[in-house]
């Protein structure tokens, strides 16, 4: 079983492409896309358990911290991953 979280990020104007590129190479980041409007980036992080998920999510968010204006984390329910 694995744990997942979706993150919606509000990124400073004109920095979205830079953040998408930075997040694509991070451990645990399985998907990252630019969105239209705000929030302007969605990211999905996946790990073997919630402890590792928390660590990987914090690492990924830290790479965009200086240009991030807002974050919403949407963790999936345990046992409901397909």
N, C-alpha and C. Protein backbone atom coordinates (compact mmCIF):
# COMPACT_ATOMS: atom_id res chain seq x y z
N UNK A 1 0.85 -1.17 0.00
CA UNK A 1 0.00 0.00 0.00
C UNK A 1 0.89 1.24 0.00
N UNK A 2 0.39 2.34 -0.55
CA UNK A 2 1.16 3.58 -0.57
C UNK A 2 0.29 4.73 -0.08
N UNK A 3 0.95 5.78 0.32
CA UNK A 3 0.28 6.99 0.78
C UNK A 3 0.50 8.07 -0.27
N UNK A 4 -0.53 8.89 -0.46
CA UNK A 4 -0.44 9.97 -1.45
C UNK A 4 -0.99 11.27 -0.88
N UNK A 5 -0.46 12.37 -1.38
CA UNK A 5 -1.01 13.68 -1.09
C UNK A 5 -0.98 14.50 -2.37
N UNK A 6 -2.04 15.26 -2.57
CA UNK A 6 -2.09 16.23 -3.66
C UNK A 6 -1.85 17.59 -3.03
N UNK A 7 -1.06 18.42 -3.68
CA UNK A 7 -0.78 19.76 -3.19
C UNK A 7 -1.17 20.77 -4.26
N UNK A 8 -1.93 21.76 -3.84
CA UNK A 8 -2.30 22.87 -4.71
C UNK A 8 -1.45 24.06 -4.28
N UNK A 9 -0.69 24.61 -5.21
CA UNK A 9 0.26 25.67 -4.90
C UNK A 9 -0.11 26.97 -5.61
N UNK A 10 -0.09 28.06 -4.87
CA UNK A 10 -0.20 29.40 -5.45
C UNK A 10 1.23 29.92 -5.58
N UNK A 11 1.68 30.05 -6.81
CA UNK A 11 3.06 30.45 -7.09
C UNK A 11 3.08 31.89 -7.60
N UNK A 12 4.11 32.63 -7.22
CA UNK A 12 4.25 34.02 -7.68
C UNK A 12 4.16 34.09 -9.20
N UNK A 13 3.62 35.18 -9.66
CA UNK A 13 3.46 35.41 -11.09
C UNK A 13 4.78 35.18 -11.84
N UNK A 14 4.70 34.51 -12.95
CA UNK A 14 5.80 34.21 -13.88
C UNK A 14 6.82 33.21 -13.35
N UNK A 15 6.55 32.54 -12.24
CA UNK A 15 7.49 31.56 -11.68
C UNK A 15 6.98 30.12 -11.82
N UNK A 16 5.78 29.92 -12.36
CA UNK A 16 5.18 28.58 -12.43
C UNK A 16 6.03 27.59 -13.20
N UNK A 17 6.51 27.97 -14.38
CA UNK A 17 7.31 27.05 -15.19
C UNK A 17 8.57 26.62 -14.46
N UNK A 18 9.21 27.55 -13.81
CA UNK A 18 10.43 27.27 -13.03
C UNK A 18 10.12 26.27 -11.92
N UNK A 19 9.02 26.45 -11.23
CA UNK A 19 8.65 25.55 -10.13
C UNK A 19 8.29 24.17 -10.66
N UNK A 20 7.56 24.09 -11.76
CA UNK A 20 7.21 22.79 -12.34
C UNK A 20 8.48 22.02 -12.66
N UNK A 21 9.44 22.66 -13.29
CA UNK A 21 10.71 21.99 -13.63
C UNK A 21 11.44 21.52 -12.37
N UNK A 22 11.46 22.34 -11.35
CA UNK A 22 12.16 21.98 -10.10
C UNK A 22 11.48 20.81 -9.41
N UNK A 23 10.17 20.78 -9.41
CA UNK A 23 9.43 19.72 -8.71
C UNK A 23 9.50 18.39 -9.45
N UNK A 24 9.61 18.42 -10.77
CA UNK A 24 9.63 17.18 -11.55
C UNK A 24 10.77 16.26 -11.16
N UNK A 25 11.86 16.79 -10.68
CA UNK A 25 12.99 15.95 -10.34
C UNK A 25 13.06 15.53 -8.87
N UNK A 26 12.09 15.91 -8.08
CA UNK A 26 12.13 15.61 -6.65
C UNK A 26 11.67 14.19 -6.35
N UNK A 27 12.30 13.59 -5.37
CA UNK A 27 11.92 12.23 -4.93
C UNK A 27 10.47 12.23 -4.46
N UNK A 28 9.73 11.23 -4.91
CA UNK A 28 8.35 11.06 -4.50
C UNK A 28 7.33 11.81 -5.32
N UNK A 29 7.76 12.81 -6.07
CA UNK A 29 6.82 13.60 -6.89
C UNK A 29 6.49 12.77 -8.13
N UNK A 30 5.26 12.31 -8.20
CA UNK A 30 4.82 11.45 -9.31
C UNK A 30 4.12 12.24 -10.40
N UNK A 31 3.61 13.43 -10.08
CA UNK A 31 2.90 14.23 -11.07
C UNK A 31 2.97 15.69 -10.64
N UNK A 32 3.21 16.57 -11.60
CA UNK A 32 3.13 18.01 -11.37
C UNK A 32 2.67 18.66 -12.66
N UNK A 33 1.68 19.53 -12.55
CA UNK A 33 1.12 20.22 -13.72
C UNK A 33 0.83 21.67 -13.38
N UNK A 34 1.00 22.53 -14.38
CA UNK A 34 0.60 23.93 -14.26
C UNK A 34 -0.90 24.01 -14.56
N UNK A 35 -1.61 24.81 -13.78
CA UNK A 35 -3.04 25.00 -13.94
C UNK A 35 -3.32 26.43 -14.41
N UNK A 36 -4.50 26.64 -14.94
CA UNK A 36 -4.92 28.00 -15.28
C UNK A 36 -5.58 28.59 -14.06
N UNK A 37 -5.24 29.82 -13.74
CA UNK A 37 -5.81 30.49 -12.58
C UNK A 37 -5.10 30.06 -11.31
N UNK A 38 -5.71 30.41 -10.18
CA UNK A 38 -5.14 30.05 -8.87
C UNK A 38 -5.97 28.96 -8.23
N UNK A 39 -5.37 28.00 -7.58
CA UNK A 39 -3.94 27.74 -7.52
C UNK A 39 -3.40 27.43 -8.91
N UNK A 40 -2.12 27.69 -9.12
CA UNK A 40 -1.59 27.52 -10.47
C UNK A 40 -0.69 26.31 -10.67
N UNK A 41 -0.49 25.50 -9.62
CA UNK A 41 0.24 24.24 -9.78
C UNK A 41 -0.43 23.17 -8.93
N UNK A 42 -0.53 21.96 -9.49
CA UNK A 42 -0.97 20.79 -8.73
C UNK A 42 0.18 19.79 -8.76
N UNK A 43 0.41 19.17 -7.60
CA UNK A 43 1.49 18.19 -7.48
C UNK A 43 0.95 17.00 -6.70
N UNK A 44 1.39 15.81 -7.08
CA UNK A 44 1.05 14.60 -6.32
C UNK A 44 2.34 13.94 -5.87
N UNK A 45 2.41 13.67 -4.57
CA UNK A 45 3.57 13.00 -3.98
C UNK A 45 3.09 11.65 -3.47
N UNK A 46 3.89 10.61 -3.70
CA UNK A 46 3.54 9.26 -3.28
C UNK A 46 4.73 8.65 -2.55
N UNK A 47 4.41 7.88 -1.50
CA UNK A 47 5.45 7.23 -0.70
C UNK A 47 4.89 5.93 -0.13
N UNK A 48 5.77 5.13 0.47
CA UNK A 48 5.35 3.82 0.99
C UNK A 48 4.50 3.93 2.25
N UNK A 49 4.67 5.01 3.03
CA UNK A 49 3.87 5.19 4.25
C UNK A 49 3.75 6.68 4.54
N UNK A 50 2.93 7.03 5.52
CA UNK A 50 2.68 8.45 5.82
C UNK A 50 3.92 9.17 6.34
N UNK A 51 4.77 8.51 7.06
CA UNK A 51 5.99 9.16 7.56
C UNK A 51 6.88 9.59 6.39
N UNK A 52 7.12 8.66 5.47
CA UNK A 52 7.94 9.00 4.31
C UNK A 52 7.22 10.05 3.45
N UNK A 53 5.90 9.95 3.35
CA UNK A 53 5.13 10.92 2.58
C UNK A 53 5.32 12.33 3.12
N UNK A 54 5.28 12.46 4.44
CA UNK A 54 5.48 13.77 5.06
C UNK A 54 6.88 14.31 4.74
N UNK A 55 7.88 13.47 4.85
CA UNK A 55 9.26 13.89 4.59
C UNK A 55 9.44 14.34 3.13
N UNK A 56 8.93 13.53 2.19
CA UNK A 56 9.09 13.86 0.78
C UNK A 56 8.29 15.11 0.39
N UNK A 57 7.12 15.26 0.98
CA UNK A 57 6.30 16.44 0.69
C UNK A 57 6.99 17.71 1.18
N UNK A 58 7.53 17.67 2.38
CA UNK A 58 8.24 18.84 2.92
C UNK A 58 9.45 19.18 2.04
N UNK A 59 10.19 18.17 1.61
CA UNK A 59 11.35 18.41 0.74
C UNK A 59 10.93 19.06 -0.58
N UNK A 60 9.85 18.56 -1.17
CA UNK A 60 9.38 19.12 -2.44
C UNK A 60 8.91 20.56 -2.24
N UNK A 61 8.13 20.81 -1.20
CA UNK A 61 7.63 22.16 -0.95
C UNK A 61 8.77 23.13 -0.65
N UNK A 62 9.79 22.66 0.02
CA UNK A 62 10.92 23.52 0.36
C UNK A 62 11.64 24.02 -0.90
N UNK A 63 11.61 23.23 -1.96
CA UNK A 63 12.30 23.63 -3.19
C UNK A 63 11.60 24.80 -3.89
N UNK A 64 10.35 25.08 -3.51
CA UNK A 64 9.61 26.19 -4.12
C UNK A 64 9.19 27.23 -3.07
N UNK A 65 9.72 27.11 -1.88
CA UNK A 65 9.28 27.94 -0.75
C UNK A 65 9.37 29.44 -1.02
N UNK A 66 10.43 29.89 -1.65
CA UNK A 66 10.63 31.33 -1.82
C UNK A 66 9.68 31.98 -2.82
N UNK A 67 9.03 31.17 -3.66
CA UNK A 67 8.10 31.72 -4.66
C UNK A 67 6.67 31.24 -4.44
N UNK A 68 6.42 30.57 -3.33
CA UNK A 68 5.09 30.05 -3.04
C UNK A 68 4.34 31.01 -2.13
N UNK A 69 3.13 31.38 -2.54
CA UNK A 69 2.31 32.29 -1.75
C UNK A 69 1.22 31.57 -0.96
N UNK A 70 0.91 30.33 -1.33
CA UNK A 70 -0.11 29.57 -0.62
C UNK A 70 -0.04 28.10 -0.97
N UNK A 71 -0.42 27.24 -0.01
CA UNK A 71 -0.38 25.79 -0.20
C UNK A 71 -1.64 25.18 0.41
N UNK A 72 -2.24 24.24 -0.31
CA UNK A 72 -3.31 23.42 0.23
C UNK A 72 -2.89 21.97 0.05
N UNK A 73 -2.90 21.20 1.13
CA UNK A 73 -2.55 19.78 1.05
C UNK A 73 -3.81 18.95 1.15
N UNK A 74 -3.94 17.97 0.24
CA UNK A 74 -5.11 17.11 0.17
C UNK A 74 -4.65 15.65 0.26
N UNK A 75 -4.47 15.12 1.47
CA UNK A 75 -4.04 13.72 1.61
C UNK A 75 -5.17 12.76 1.25
N UNK A 76 -4.82 11.63 0.66
CA UNK A 76 -5.83 10.62 0.36
C UNK A 76 -6.11 9.79 1.61
N UNK A 77 -7.24 9.14 1.63
CA UNK A 77 -7.60 8.29 2.76
C UNK A 77 -6.79 7.01 2.72
N UNK A 78 -6.42 6.50 3.88
CA UNK A 78 -5.71 5.23 3.97
C UNK A 78 -6.58 4.12 3.38
N UNK A 79 -5.95 3.28 2.57
CA UNK A 79 -6.66 2.13 2.02
C UNK A 79 -7.53 2.41 0.82
N UNK A 80 -7.60 3.65 0.38
CA UNK A 80 -8.47 3.99 -0.75
C UNK A 80 -7.70 4.26 -2.04
N UNK A 81 -6.40 3.99 -2.04
CA UNK A 81 -5.60 4.21 -3.26
C UNK A 81 -5.88 3.10 -4.26
N UNK A 82 -5.95 3.46 -5.53
CA UNK A 82 -6.16 2.45 -6.56
C UNK A 82 -4.95 2.34 -7.45
